[in-house]
Amino acid sequence: MSKYKFVMWDWDAGGYEIIPKEDLIEALYYAWNYECSVYTVDGKVLIFSPMDDNEFNSDLLKDYGLRIIDGEKSRNFQDIKTGEVFNAPWES
């Protein structure tokens, strides 16, 4: 069994590709960088769609305790309980 829990839809290959990140935030930003939607490995349930709006994605991510917000430069993930904002690696 793979240690990776998420896949992204690879538009060029026309199929799912494992996201080589164990952390959810890292996996989301990895796929977002390629403009790919993120799904669970088991069941292929959609959990993030970069082309859709904040409200749609926040609804998808609520079970993971996350939402999408507008940041200073771009959209970011935010922890619902703590309010912590997770910036993309390229924003650091």
Protein backbone atom coordinates (compact mmCIF):
# COMPACT_ATOMS: atom_id res chain seq x y z
CA MET A 1 0.00 0.00 0.00
CA SER A 2 1.30 3.42 -0.95
CA LYS A 3 2.07 6.00 1.73
CA TYR A 4 0.59 8.65 -0.54
CA LYS A 5 -3.08 9.41 -0.07
CA PHE A 6 -3.83 11.73 -2.97
CA VAL A 7 -3.78 11.69 -6.77
CA MET A 8 -4.18 14.40 -9.36
CA TRP A 9 -5.73 14.21 -12.78
CA ASP A 10 -2.95 14.43 -15.36
CA TRP A 11 -4.50 16.14 -18.38
CA ASP A 12 -1.61 15.22 -20.70
CA ALA A 13 -1.62 11.51 -19.84
CA GLY A 14 -5.39 11.33 -19.46
CA GLY A 15 -5.28 9.58 -16.10
CA TYR A 16 -4.54 9.81 -12.41
CA GLU A 17 -1.02 10.42 -11.14
CA ILE A 18 0.13 9.89 -7.55
CA ILE A 19 1.02 13.13 -5.77
CA PRO A 20 4.41 12.41 -4.16
CA LYS A 21 3.60 14.31 -0.94
CA GLU A 22 2.38 12.88 2.36
CA ASP A 23 1.19 16.20 3.82
CA LEU A 24 -2.21 17.36 2.54
CA ILE A 25 -1.24 21.03 2.18
CA GLU A 26 1.92 20.10 0.27
CA ALA A 27 -0.09 17.74 -1.95
CA LEU A 28 -2.68 20.43 -2.69
CA TYR A 29 -0.08 23.04 -3.63
CA TYR A 30 1.86 20.48 -5.68
CA ALA A 31 -1.20 19.72 -7.80
CA TRP A 32 -2.30 23.37 -7.91
CA ASN A 33 1.06 24.28 -9.41
CA TYR A 34 0.18 21.99 -12.34
CA GLU A 35 -3.45 23.25 -12.38
CA CYS A 36 -4.65 19.73 -11.56
CA SER A 37 -7.61 18.64 -9.49
CA VAL A 38 -6.89 16.54 -6.38
CA TYR A 39 -8.65 13.30 -5.51
CA THR A 40 -8.32 10.69 -2.77
CA VAL A 41 -6.35 7.60 -3.80
CA ASP A 42 -9.09 5.29 -2.59
CA GLY A 43 -12.40 6.07 -4.21
CA LYS A 44 -11.13 8.96 -6.37
CA VAL A 45 -13.23 11.48 -4.44
CA LEU A 46 -12.64 15.06 -5.57
CA ILE A 47 -11.24 17.24 -2.76
CA PHE A 48 -9.83 20.24 -4.67
CA SER A 49 -10.45 21.82 -8.06
CA PRO A 50 -8.11 24.75 -8.86
CA MET A 51 -10.34 26.12 -11.59
CA ASP A 52 -13.35 26.48 -9.28
CA ASP A 53 -14.06 29.27 -6.80
CA ASN A 54 -13.23 29.54 -3.11
CA GLU A 55 -16.73 28.59 -1.96
CA PHE A 56 -16.81 25.38 -4.02
CA ASN A 57 -13.33 24.33 -2.86
CA SER A 58 -14.01 25.26 0.76
CA ASP A 59 -17.03 22.95 0.67
CA LEU A 60 -14.85 20.13 -0.70
CA LEU A 61 -12.11 20.72 1.90
CA LYS A 62 -14.26 21.21 5.01
CA ASP A 63 -13.94 17.53 6.00
CA TYR A 64 -10.18 18.14 6.13
CA GLY A 65 -10.58 21.22 8.31
CA LEU A 66 -9.52 23.59 5.53
CA ARG A 67 -10.96 26.37 3.43
CA ILE A 68 -9.71 28.59 0.59
CA ILE A 69 -9.32 32.31 1.16
CA ASP A 70 -8.09 35.24 -0.89
CA GLY A 71 -4.59 36.14 0.27
CA GLU A 72 -2.56 39.24 -0.43
CA LYS A 73 -1.15 37.89 -3.70
CA SER A 74 -3.09 34.69 -4.38
CA ARG A 75 -5.58 32.24 -2.93
CA ASN A 76 -4.40 30.29 0.11
CA PHE A 77 -5.50 27.42 2.29
CA GLN A 78 -6.59 28.22 5.84
CA ASP A 79 -7.17 26.00 8.87
CA ILE A 80 -10.82 26.44 9.86
CA LYS A 81 -10.25 26.01 13.61
CA THR A 82 -7.02 27.93 14.16
CA GLY A 83 -7.18 30.45 11.34
CA GLU A 84 -3.61 29.56 10.31
CA VAL A 85 -2.93 30.48 6.68
CA PHE A 86 -0.76 28.16 4.61
CA ASN A 87 1.16 29.96 1.90
CA ALA A 88 2.33 28.24 -1.25
CA PRO A 89 6.02 27.21 -1.23
CA TRP A 90 6.74 29.75 -3.98
CA GLU A 91 5.40 32.55 -1.74
CA SER A 92 7.93 31.95 1.02
